């Protein structure tokens, strides 16, 4: 099987279900951001020392959750129902945030990303996560109130769960960056206006 299909040469792509859309549409932006975020998490996993095995394992689970979220972003509503997103995944992020926060000094100022490299990568992933969330919010704004739109209904409900997950994930990645810095013997780089 060839990796290239040439079907996108005209600037369009297919959503899951077959609907052709411009590659610059909001859904493509959202699932493209999710794909980028999944890749950043892979880089963090690869760069992080094995002493953080639990965090690396949790990041792998996050990648899997993001794949499911991405599928909902890419779905046109014409395919068999995708597996619902689990709102409990948000609670798992919150538990990890609370655990890490309890093990590092309290934040007293804005933080500038810095060493080690895998900590800085967590902060980059956080910014990609926020962009993904903004594009997902645009899907809701564009499609969430259109009752006759094929892409609404059940898919929009799952996108809403995905937005909550992304919002909490950015908090998790911020905390993870700080956690990596502090547990590696470094200190937060504070920025005070």
N, C-alpha and C. Protein backbone atom coordinates (compact mmCIF):
# COMPACT_ATOMS: atom_id res chain seq x y z
N UNK A 1 0.84 -1.17 0.00
CA UNK A 1 0.00 0.00 0.00
C UNK A 1 0.89 1.24 0.00
N UNK A 2 0.59 2.18 -0.87
CA UNK A 2 1.37 3.40 -0.95
C UNK A 2 0.91 4.39 0.12
N UNK A 3 1.83 5.16 0.65
CA UNK A 3 1.52 6.15 1.67
C UNK A 3 0.82 7.36 1.09
N UNK A 4 1.06 7.63 -0.19
CA UNK A 4 0.43 8.79 -0.80
C UNK A 4 -0.75 8.37 -1.67
N UNK A 5 -1.79 9.19 -1.65
CA UNK A 5 -3.00 8.88 -2.42
C UNK A 5 -3.25 9.90 -3.53
N UNK A 6 -2.65 11.07 -3.42
CA UNK A 6 -2.82 12.18 -4.35
C UNK A 6 -4.21 12.82 -4.29
N UNK A 7 -5.08 12.31 -3.43
CA UNK A 7 -6.44 12.87 -3.34
C UNK A 7 -6.45 14.24 -2.66
N UNK A 8 -5.40 14.57 -1.94
CA UNK A 8 -5.34 15.86 -1.27
C UNK A 8 -4.60 16.93 -2.03
N UNK A 9 -4.19 16.62 -3.23
CA UNK A 9 -3.41 17.58 -4.01
C UNK A 9 -4.18 18.86 -4.33
N UNK A 10 -5.48 18.80 -4.30
CA UNK A 10 -6.30 19.98 -4.61
C UNK A 10 -6.60 20.81 -3.36
N UNK A 11 -6.06 20.40 -2.21
CA UNK A 11 -6.28 21.17 -0.99
C UNK A 11 -7.47 20.71 -0.16
N UNK A 12 -7.98 19.53 -0.46
CA UNK A 12 -9.07 18.98 0.34
C UNK A 12 -8.64 17.66 0.95
N UNK A 13 -9.40 17.23 1.94
CA UNK A 13 -9.15 15.94 2.58
C UNK A 13 -10.49 15.36 2.99
N UNK A 14 -10.50 14.09 3.35
CA UNK A 14 -11.74 13.43 3.76
C UNK A 14 -11.81 13.32 5.27
N UNK A 15 -12.97 13.67 5.81
CA UNK A 15 -13.25 13.39 7.21
C UNK A 15 -13.58 11.91 7.35
N UNK A 16 -13.55 11.40 8.56
CA UNK A 16 -13.97 10.03 8.80
C UNK A 16 -15.46 9.96 8.47
N UNK A 17 -15.79 9.22 7.45
CA UNK A 17 -17.16 9.15 6.95
C UNK A 17 -17.23 9.54 5.49
N UNK A 18 -16.17 10.18 4.99
CA UNK A 18 -16.07 10.44 3.57
C UNK A 18 -16.31 11.85 3.10
N UNK A 19 -16.83 12.73 3.92
CA UNK A 19 -17.08 14.10 3.49
C UNK A 19 -15.76 14.80 3.17
N UNK A 20 -15.68 15.39 1.98
CA UNK A 20 -14.49 16.14 1.58
C UNK A 20 -14.60 17.56 2.11
N UNK A 21 -13.52 18.04 2.72
CA UNK A 21 -13.49 19.39 3.28
C UNK A 21 -12.15 20.03 2.94
N UNK A 22 -12.09 21.36 2.95
CA UNK A 22 -10.79 22.03 2.75
C UNK A 22 -9.83 21.67 3.89
N UNK A 23 -8.58 21.54 3.58
CA UNK A 23 -7.59 21.21 4.60
C UNK A 23 -7.42 22.32 5.64
N UNK A 24 -7.99 23.49 5.36
CA UNK A 24 -7.90 24.59 6.30
C UNK A 24 -9.17 24.73 7.14
N UNK A 25 -10.05 23.74 7.13
CA UNK A 25 -11.28 23.85 7.92
C UNK A 25 -10.98 23.58 9.39
N UNK A 26 -11.89 24.00 10.24
CA UNK A 26 -11.68 23.94 11.69
C UNK A 26 -11.46 22.52 12.19
N UNK A 27 -12.21 21.57 11.68
CA UNK A 27 -12.04 20.19 12.13
C UNK A 27 -10.64 19.67 11.81
N UNK A 28 -10.16 19.99 10.63
CA UNK A 28 -8.81 19.55 10.25
C UNK A 28 -7.77 20.25 11.13
N UNK A 29 -7.98 21.53 11.41
CA UNK A 29 -7.09 22.24 12.34
C UNK A 29 -7.06 21.54 13.69
N UNK A 30 -8.23 21.17 14.20
CA UNK A 30 -8.31 20.55 15.53
C UNK A 30 -7.63 19.20 15.56
N UNK A 31 -7.93 18.33 14.58
CA UNK A 31 -7.29 17.02 14.66
C UNK A 31 -5.82 17.09 14.25
N UNK A 32 -5.44 18.09 13.46
CA UNK A 32 -4.02 18.30 13.17
C UNK A 32 -3.26 18.73 14.41
N UNK A 33 -3.87 19.60 15.21
CA UNK A 33 -3.26 20.01 16.48
C UNK A 33 -3.13 18.81 17.42
N UNK A 34 -4.16 17.98 17.47
CA UNK A 34 -4.11 16.79 18.33
C UNK A 34 -2.98 15.87 17.88
N UNK A 35 -2.81 15.72 16.57
CA UNK A 35 -1.73 14.89 16.03
C UNK A 35 -0.37 15.47 16.44
N UNK A 36 -0.24 16.78 16.32
CA UNK A 36 1.02 17.42 16.73
C UNK A 36 1.27 17.21 18.22
N UNK A 37 0.22 17.34 19.02
CA UNK A 37 0.36 17.15 20.47
C UNK A 37 0.77 15.71 20.80
N UNK A 38 0.16 14.75 20.13
CA UNK A 38 0.53 13.34 20.33
C UNK A 38 2.02 13.14 20.02
N UNK A 39 2.50 13.79 18.97
CA UNK A 39 3.91 13.67 18.60
C UNK A 39 4.81 14.31 19.65
N UNK A 40 4.42 15.48 20.16
CA UNK A 40 5.20 16.11 21.23
C UNK A 40 5.26 15.22 22.46
N UNK A 41 4.16 14.57 22.78
CA UNK A 41 4.16 13.67 23.94
C UNK A 41 5.10 12.50 23.69
N UNK A 42 5.14 12.01 22.45
CA UNK A 42 6.10 10.96 22.12
C UNK A 42 7.53 11.41 22.31
N UNK A 43 7.81 12.65 21.93
CA UNK A 43 9.15 13.20 22.13
C UNK A 43 9.48 13.30 23.62
N UNK A 44 8.51 13.73 24.41
CA UNK A 44 8.73 13.81 25.86
C UNK A 44 9.01 12.43 26.43
N UNK A 45 8.21 11.45 26.02
CA UNK A 45 8.42 10.07 26.50
C UNK A 45 9.83 9.60 26.15
N UNK A 46 10.24 9.85 24.91
CA UNK A 46 11.56 9.38 24.46
C UNK A 46 12.70 10.10 25.18
N UNK A 47 12.51 11.37 25.52
CA UNK A 47 13.59 12.17 26.11
C UNK A 47 13.66 12.08 27.63
N UNK A 48 12.61 11.62 28.26
CA UNK A 48 12.54 11.62 29.72
C UNK A 48 13.27 10.41 30.30
N UNK A 49 14.09 10.63 31.33
CA UNK A 49 14.81 9.51 31.95
C UNK A 49 13.86 8.48 32.55
N UNK A 50 14.33 7.25 32.65
CA UNK A 50 13.51 6.16 33.16
C UNK A 50 13.12 6.32 34.61
N UNK A 51 13.77 7.21 35.34
CA UNK A 51 13.37 7.45 36.73
C UNK A 51 11.93 8.00 36.80
N UNK A 52 11.43 8.50 35.68
CA UNK A 52 10.06 9.00 35.59
C UNK A 52 9.18 8.00 34.84
N UNK A 53 9.37 6.72 35.12
CA UNK A 53 8.64 5.66 34.40
C UNK A 53 7.13 5.81 34.54
N UNK A 54 6.65 6.18 35.72
CA UNK A 54 5.21 6.34 35.91
C UNK A 54 4.65 7.46 35.05
N UNK A 55 5.38 8.57 34.98
CA UNK A 55 4.94 9.70 34.17
C UNK A 55 4.96 9.34 32.69
N UNK A 56 5.99 8.61 32.27
CA UNK A 56 6.08 8.19 30.87
C UNK A 56 4.92 7.27 30.52
N UNK A 57 4.57 6.36 31.41
CA UNK A 57 3.45 5.46 31.18
C UNK A 57 2.13 6.23 31.10
N UNK A 58 1.98 7.22 31.97
CA UNK A 58 0.76 8.04 31.96
C UNK A 58 0.68 8.85 30.66
N UNK A 59 1.81 9.35 30.18
CA UNK A 59 1.82 10.09 28.91
C UNK A 59 1.38 9.20 27.75
N UNK A 60 1.75 7.94 27.78
CA UNK A 60 1.31 7.00 26.75
C UNK A 60 -0.22 6.85 26.78
N UNK A 61 -0.79 6.79 27.96
CA UNK A 61 -2.24 6.72 28.08
C UNK A 61 -2.90 7.99 27.55
N UNK A 62 -2.26 9.12 27.79
CA UNK A 62 -2.77 10.40 27.27
C UNK A 62 -2.75 10.38 25.74
N UNK A 63 -1.68 9.85 25.15
CA UNK A 63 -1.62 9.75 23.69
C UNK A 63 -2.82 8.95 23.16
N UNK A 64 -3.14 7.86 23.81
CA UNK A 64 -4.27 7.03 23.38
C UNK A 64 -5.58 7.80 23.49
N UNK A 65 -5.75 8.54 24.58
CA UNK A 65 -6.97 9.33 24.76
C UNK A 65 -7.06 10.41 23.68
N UNK A 66 -5.93 11.02 23.35
CA UNK A 66 -5.92 12.04 22.31
C UNK A 66 -6.25 11.46 20.93
N UNK A 67 -5.86 10.22 20.68
CA UNK A 67 -6.24 9.58 19.42
C UNK A 67 -7.76 9.45 19.33
N UNK A 68 -8.40 9.08 20.44
CA UNK A 68 -9.86 8.96 20.44
C UNK A 68 -10.52 10.33 20.26
N UNK A 69 -9.99 11.34 20.92
CA UNK A 69 -10.51 12.70 20.77
C UNK A 69 -10.35 13.16 19.32
N UNK A 70 -9.19 12.90 18.75
CA UNK A 70 -8.92 13.28 17.37
C UNK A 70 -9.91 12.63 16.41
N UNK A 71 -10.27 11.38 16.68
CA UNK A 71 -11.24 10.68 15.82
C UNK A 71 -12.59 11.40 15.84
N UNK A 72 -12.97 11.90 17.00
CA UNK A 72 -14.24 12.65 17.08
C UNK A 72 -14.13 13.98 16.34
N UNK A 73 -12.97 14.62 16.41
CA UNK A 73 -12.78 15.87 15.66
C UNK A 73 -12.89 15.61 14.16
N UNK A 74 -12.43 14.44 13.73
CA UNK A 74 -12.37 14.12 12.30
C UNK A 74 -13.64 13.47 11.77
N UNK A 75 -14.60 13.20 12.60
CA UNK A 75 -15.80 12.46 12.19
C UNK A 75 -16.86 13.38 11.61
N UNK A 76 -17.43 12.99 10.48
CA UNK A 76 -18.47 13.80 9.84
C UNK A 76 -19.88 13.38 10.24
N UNK A 77 -20.00 12.40 11.12
CA UNK A 77 -21.31 11.96 11.57
C UNK A 77 -21.97 10.93 10.68
N UNK A 78 -21.29 10.53 9.61
CA UNK A 78 -21.87 9.58 8.65
C UNK A 78 -21.40 8.15 8.88
N UNK A 79 -20.58 7.93 9.88
CA UNK A 79 -20.06 6.59 10.15
C UNK A 79 -20.76 6.04 11.39
N UNK A 80 -20.59 4.74 11.58
CA UNK A 80 -21.12 4.14 12.79
C UNK A 80 -20.58 4.88 13.99
N UNK A 81 -21.36 4.94 15.01
CA UNK A 81 -21.02 5.70 16.20
C UNK A 81 -19.64 5.32 16.73
N UNK A 82 -18.81 6.32 16.95
CA UNK A 82 -17.52 6.09 17.58
C UNK A 82 -17.73 5.82 19.06
N UNK A 83 -16.78 5.18 19.67
CA UNK A 83 -16.85 4.93 21.11
C UNK A 83 -16.89 6.29 21.82
N UNK A 84 -17.81 6.44 22.76
CA UNK A 84 -17.91 7.69 23.52
C UNK A 84 -16.62 7.97 24.27
N UNK A 85 -16.29 9.24 24.38
CA UNK A 85 -15.17 9.65 25.21
C UNK A 85 -15.58 9.51 26.68
N UNK A 86 -14.65 9.11 27.51
CA UNK A 86 -14.92 8.87 28.92
C UNK A 86 -14.57 10.10 29.73
N UNK A 87 -15.57 10.74 30.31
CA UNK A 87 -15.33 11.94 31.12
C UNK A 87 -14.46 11.64 32.34
N UNK A 88 -14.37 10.37 32.74
CA UNK A 88 -13.53 9.99 33.88
C UNK A 88 -12.05 10.23 33.59
N UNK A 89 -11.70 10.30 32.32
CA UNK A 89 -10.30 10.56 31.96
C UNK A 89 -9.87 11.94 32.47
N UNK A 90 -10.81 12.88 32.54
CA UNK A 90 -10.50 14.21 33.08
C UNK A 90 -10.13 14.09 34.56
N UNK A 91 -10.84 13.25 35.29
CA UNK A 91 -10.55 13.05 36.71
C UNK A 91 -9.17 12.44 36.92
N UNK A 92 -8.76 11.55 36.03
CA UNK A 92 -7.42 10.96 36.15
C UNK A 92 -6.35 12.04 36.01
N UNK A 93 -6.56 12.97 35.07
CA UNK A 93 -5.62 14.09 34.93
C UNK A 93 -5.57 14.91 36.21
N UNK A 94 -6.73 15.18 36.78
CA UNK A 94 -6.79 15.98 38.00
C UNK A 94 -6.04 15.30 39.15
N UNK A 95 -6.19 13.99 39.26
CA UNK A 95 -5.48 13.25 40.32
C UNK A 95 -3.98 13.36 40.14
N UNK A 96 -3.52 13.25 38.90
CA UNK A 96 -2.08 13.36 38.64
C UNK A 96 -1.58 14.78 38.90
N UNK A 97 -2.37 15.77 38.52
CA UNK A 97 -1.99 17.16 38.80
C UNK A 97 -1.85 17.35 40.31
N UNK A 98 -2.83 16.88 41.06
CA UNK A 98 -2.80 17.03 42.52
C UNK A 98 -1.60 16.30 43.13
N UNK A 99 -1.31 15.11 42.63
CA UNK A 99 -0.17 14.34 43.15
C UNK A 99 1.13 15.10 42.93
N UNK A 100 1.36 15.55 41.68
CA UNK A 100 2.61 16.24 41.37
C UNK A 100 2.71 17.57 42.12
N UNK A 101 1.60 18.31 42.18
CA UNK A 101 1.60 19.60 42.86
C UNK A 101 1.98 19.43 44.33
N UNK A 102 1.54 18.32 44.93
CA UNK A 102 1.86 18.05 46.32
C UNK A 102 3.32 17.71 46.57
N UNK A 103 4.07 17.42 45.52
CA UNK A 103 5.47 17.01 45.66
C UNK A 103 6.47 18.08 45.25
N UNK A 104 5.98 19.24 44.82
CA UNK A 104 6.90 20.31 44.39
C UNK A 104 6.56 21.61 45.11
N UNK A 105 7.48 22.58 45.11
CA UNK A 105 7.19 23.85 45.77
C UNK A 105 5.99 24.56 45.14
N UNK A 106 5.31 25.34 45.96
CA UNK A 106 4.17 26.10 45.46
C UNK A 106 4.62 27.11 44.41
N UNK A 107 3.79 27.34 43.42
CA UNK A 107 4.09 28.33 42.39
C UNK A 107 3.84 29.72 42.97
N UNK A 108 4.83 30.60 42.82
CA UNK A 108 4.71 31.95 43.37
C UNK A 108 4.78 33.04 42.31
N UNK A 109 4.97 32.66 41.06
CA UNK A 109 5.10 33.64 39.98
C UNK A 109 4.82 32.93 38.66
N UNK A 110 4.79 33.69 37.59
CA UNK A 110 4.75 33.09 36.26
C UNK A 110 6.03 32.30 36.06
N UNK A 111 5.95 31.24 35.28
CA UNK A 111 7.09 30.34 35.07
C UNK A 111 7.57 30.46 33.62
N UNK A 112 8.87 30.59 33.46
CA UNK A 112 9.48 30.54 32.13
C UNK A 112 9.98 29.12 31.89
N UNK A 113 9.62 28.50 30.77
CA UNK A 113 10.11 27.15 30.49
C UNK A 113 11.63 27.12 30.42
N UNK A 114 12.19 26.03 30.90
CA UNK A 114 13.65 25.89 30.88
C UNK A 114 14.06 24.45 31.08
N UNK A 115 15.30 24.26 31.51
CA UNK A 115 15.89 22.93 31.65
C UNK A 115 15.17 22.14 32.74
N UNK A 116 15.23 20.82 32.60
CA UNK A 116 15.82 20.03 31.53
C UNK A 116 14.97 20.07 30.25
N UNK A 117 15.55 19.55 29.20
CA UNK A 117 14.90 19.62 27.88
C UNK A 117 13.51 19.02 27.88
N UNK A 118 13.31 17.90 28.59
CA UNK A 118 12.00 17.25 28.59
C UNK A 118 10.98 18.09 29.37
N UNK A 119 11.43 18.91 30.30
CA UNK A 119 10.54 19.85 30.97
C UNK A 119 10.10 20.94 29.99
N UNK A 120 11.05 21.49 29.25
CA UNK A 120 10.71 22.51 28.25
C UNK A 120 9.77 21.94 27.20
N UNK A 121 9.99 20.68 26.82
CA UNK A 121 9.11 20.04 25.83
C UNK A 121 7.68 19.90 26.37
N UNK A 122 7.55 19.67 27.67
CA UNK A 122 6.20 19.60 28.27
C UNK A 122 5.50 20.95 28.15
N UNK A 123 6.25 22.03 28.29
CA UNK A 123 5.67 23.36 28.14
C UNK A 123 5.29 23.65 26.68
N UNK A 124 6.10 23.18 25.74
CA UNK A 124 5.73 23.33 24.33
C UNK A 124 4.44 22.54 24.06
N UNK A 125 4.37 21.32 24.58
CA UNK A 125 3.17 20.50 24.40
C UNK A 125 1.95 21.21 25.00
N UNK A 126 2.14 21.89 26.12
CA UNK A 126 1.04 22.64 26.73
C UNK A 126 0.50 23.70 25.78
N UNK A 127 1.40 24.40 25.08
CA UNK A 127 0.93 25.45 24.17
C UNK A 127 0.21 24.85 22.96
N UNK A 128 0.67 23.72 22.48
CA UNK A 128 -0.01 23.03 21.38
C UNK A 128 -1.39 22.55 21.85
N UNK A 129 -1.45 22.08 23.08
CA UNK A 129 -2.71 21.63 23.66
C UNK A 129 -3.71 22.78 23.71
N UNK A 130 -3.25 23.96 24.11
CA UNK A 130 -4.15 25.13 24.16
C UNK A 130 -4.65 25.50 22.77
N UNK A 131 -3.78 25.39 21.76
CA UNK A 131 -4.22 25.67 20.38
C UNK A 131 -5.26 24.66 19.93
N UNK A 132 -5.03 23.40 20.27
CA UNK A 132 -5.99 22.35 19.93
C UNK A 132 -7.34 22.64 20.60
N UNK A 133 -7.29 23.06 21.84
CA UNK A 133 -8.52 23.40 22.55
C UNK A 133 -9.25 24.55 21.86
N UNK A 134 -8.51 25.57 21.43
CA UNK A 134 -9.14 26.72 20.76
C UNK A 134 -9.83 26.28 19.46
N UNK A 135 -9.17 25.40 18.70
CA UNK A 135 -9.80 24.92 17.47
C UNK A 135 -11.02 24.05 17.76
N UNK A 136 -10.96 23.25 18.81
CA UNK A 136 -12.13 22.44 19.20
C UNK A 136 -13.29 23.35 19.60
N UNK A 137 -12.98 24.44 20.28
CA UNK A 137 -14.02 25.40 20.65
C UNK A 137 -14.65 26.03 19.41
N UNK A 138 -13.86 26.21 18.37
CA UNK A 138 -14.41 26.75 17.12
C UNK A 138 -15.37 25.75 16.48
N UNK A 139 -15.08 24.46 16.60
CA UNK A 139 -16.02 23.45 16.09
C UNK A 139 -17.36 23.63 16.80
N UNK A 140 -17.30 23.78 18.11
CA UNK A 140 -18.54 23.97 18.88
C UNK A 140 -19.26 25.24 18.44
N UNK A 141 -18.51 26.31 18.23
CA UNK A 141 -19.12 27.58 17.83
C UNK A 141 -19.74 27.48 16.44
N UNK A 142 -19.07 26.77 15.53
CA UNK A 142 -19.54 26.67 14.15
C UNK A 142 -20.65 25.64 13.97
N UNK A 143 -20.60 24.56 14.74
CA UNK A 143 -21.51 23.44 14.49
C UNK A 143 -22.42 23.10 15.65
N UNK A 144 -22.07 23.52 16.84
CA UNK A 144 -22.79 23.09 18.04
C UNK A 144 -24.21 23.56 18.14
N UNK A 145 -24.57 24.64 17.48
CA UNK A 145 -25.93 25.18 17.59
C UNK A 145 -26.74 24.98 16.32
N UNK A 146 -26.25 24.17 15.40
CA UNK A 146 -26.95 23.95 14.13
C UNK A 146 -27.64 22.60 14.20
N UNK A 147 -28.92 22.60 14.53
CA UNK A 147 -29.64 21.34 14.80
C UNK A 147 -29.73 20.43 13.57
N UNK A 148 -29.69 20.97 12.37
CA UNK A 148 -29.82 20.14 11.18
C UNK A 148 -28.49 19.66 10.62
N UNK A 149 -27.41 20.08 11.22
CA UNK A 149 -26.09 19.72 10.71
C UNK A 149 -25.81 18.25 10.99
N UNK A 150 -25.40 17.50 9.98
CA UNK A 150 -25.08 16.07 10.15
C UNK A 150 -23.98 15.85 11.19
N UNK A 151 -23.12 16.84 11.37
CA UNK A 151 -21.97 16.68 12.25
C UNK A 151 -22.31 17.01 13.70
N UNK A 152 -23.54 17.35 13.98
CA UNK A 152 -23.92 17.74 15.34
C UNK A 152 -24.39 16.54 16.14
N UNK A 153 -25.07 16.83 17.22
CA UNK A 153 -25.66 15.79 18.05
C UNK A 153 -24.61 15.05 18.85
N UNK A 154 -24.62 13.75 18.68
CA UNK A 154 -23.75 12.88 19.49
C UNK A 154 -22.28 13.27 19.36
N UNK A 155 -21.84 13.56 18.14
CA UNK A 155 -20.44 13.93 17.93
C UNK A 155 -20.08 15.20 18.68
N UNK A 156 -20.98 16.17 18.69
CA UNK A 156 -20.72 17.43 19.38
C UNK A 156 -20.62 17.21 20.89
N UNK A 157 -21.42 16.32 21.44
CA UNK A 157 -21.34 16.00 22.87
C UNK A 157 -19.96 15.45 23.21
N UNK A 158 -19.43 14.59 22.35
CA UNK A 158 -18.09 14.04 22.59
C UNK A 158 -17.01 15.10 22.41
N UNK A 159 -17.22 16.01 21.48
CA UNK A 159 -16.25 17.10 21.33
C UNK A 159 -16.23 17.95 22.59
N UNK A 160 -17.38 18.14 23.21
CA UNK A 160 -17.45 18.88 24.47
C UNK A 160 -16.62 18.19 25.56
N UNK A 161 -16.71 16.87 25.63
CA UNK A 161 -15.88 16.11 26.59
C UNK A 161 -14.41 16.28 26.22
N UNK A 162 -14.10 16.25 24.92
CA UNK A 162 -12.72 16.44 24.47
C UNK A 162 -12.18 17.80 24.86
N UNK A 163 -13.02 18.82 24.80
CA UNK A 163 -12.59 20.17 25.18
C UNK A 163 -12.24 20.21 26.68
N UNK A 164 -13.08 19.59 27.49
CA UNK A 164 -12.77 19.55 28.94
C UNK A 164 -11.46 18.82 29.18
N UNK A 165 -11.26 17.73 28.45
CA UNK A 165 -10.02 16.96 28.60
C UNK A 165 -8.81 17.83 28.21
N UNK A 166 -8.90 18.52 27.09
CA UNK A 166 -7.79 19.35 26.64
C UNK A 166 -7.52 20.49 27.62
N UNK A 167 -8.55 21.06 28.17
CA UNK A 167 -8.38 22.14 29.15
C UNK A 167 -7.60 21.63 30.36
N UNK A 168 -7.97 20.46 30.85
CA UNK A 168 -7.27 19.89 32.00
C UNK A 168 -5.89 19.39 31.61
N UNK A 169 -5.75 18.88 30.39
CA UNK A 169 -4.46 18.38 29.93
C UNK A 169 -3.42 19.50 29.89
N UNK A 170 -3.82 20.69 29.48
CA UNK A 170 -2.85 21.79 29.47
C UNK A 170 -2.38 22.10 30.88
N UNK A 171 -3.28 22.00 31.87
CA UNK A 171 -2.88 22.18 33.27
C UNK A 171 -1.92 21.07 33.70
N UNK A 172 -2.23 19.85 33.27
CA UNK A 172 -1.36 18.72 33.58
C UNK A 172 0.04 18.92 33.00
N UNK A 173 0.11 19.35 31.75
CA UNK A 173 1.41 19.52 31.10
C UNK A 173 2.21 20.65 31.73
N UNK A 174 1.54 21.71 32.15
CA UNK A 174 2.22 22.78 32.88
C UNK A 174 2.80 22.23 34.18
N UNK A 175 1.99 21.49 34.91
CA UNK A 175 2.45 20.91 36.17
C UNK A 175 3.55 19.90 35.93
N UNK A 176 3.44 19.10 34.87
CA UNK A 176 4.47 18.12 34.54
C UNK A 176 5.80 18.80 34.26
N UNK A 177 5.77 19.91 33.52
CA UNK A 177 7.01 20.64 33.26
C UNK A 177 7.67 21.10 34.55
N UNK A 178 6.88 21.66 35.45
CA UNK A 178 7.41 22.09 36.75
C UNK A 178 7.91 20.89 37.56
N UNK A 179 7.17 19.80 37.52
CA UNK A 179 7.53 18.58 38.25
C UNK A 179 8.87 18.05 37.75
N UNK A 180 9.03 17.96 36.43
CA UNK A 180 10.29 17.50 35.87
C UNK A 180 11.45 18.39 36.32
N UNK A 181 11.26 19.69 36.26
CA UNK A 181 12.32 20.62 36.65
C UNK A 181 12.73 20.40 38.11
N UNK A 182 11.74 20.40 38.98
CA UNK A 182 12.03 20.30 40.41
C UNK A 182 12.55 18.94 40.82
N UNK A 183 12.01 17.87 40.27
CA UNK A 183 12.45 16.52 40.62
C UNK A 183 13.81 16.19 40.00
N UNK A 184 14.24 16.98 39.02
CA UNK A 184 15.56 16.78 38.41
C UNK A 184 16.63 17.64 39.10
N UNK A 185 16.24 18.29 40.18
CA UNK A 185 17.21 19.10 40.93
C UNK A 185 17.25 20.56 40.53
N UNK A 186 16.40 20.98 39.60
CA UNK A 186 16.38 22.36 39.17
C UNK A 186 15.35 23.17 39.94
N UNK A 187 15.23 24.40 39.56
CA UNK A 187 14.25 25.30 40.15
C UNK A 187 13.47 26.00 39.05
N UNK A 188 12.23 26.36 39.34
CA UNK A 188 11.44 27.14 38.40
C UNK A 188 12.15 28.45 38.09
N UNK A 189 12.05 28.88 36.85
CA UNK A 189 12.54 30.19 36.46
C UNK A 189 11.34 31.14 36.54
N UNK A 190 11.32 31.95 37.56
CA UNK A 190 10.18 32.84 37.78
C UNK A 190 10.27 34.08 36.93
N UNK A 191 9.13 34.56 36.48
CA UNK A 191 9.04 35.84 35.80
C UNK A 191 8.06 36.71 36.56
N UNK A 192 8.52 37.83 37.01
CA UNK A 192 7.68 38.77 37.72
C UNK A 192 7.58 40.06 36.93
N UNK A 193 6.38 40.54 36.64
CA UNK A 193 6.24 41.77 35.86
C UNK A 193 6.74 42.99 36.62
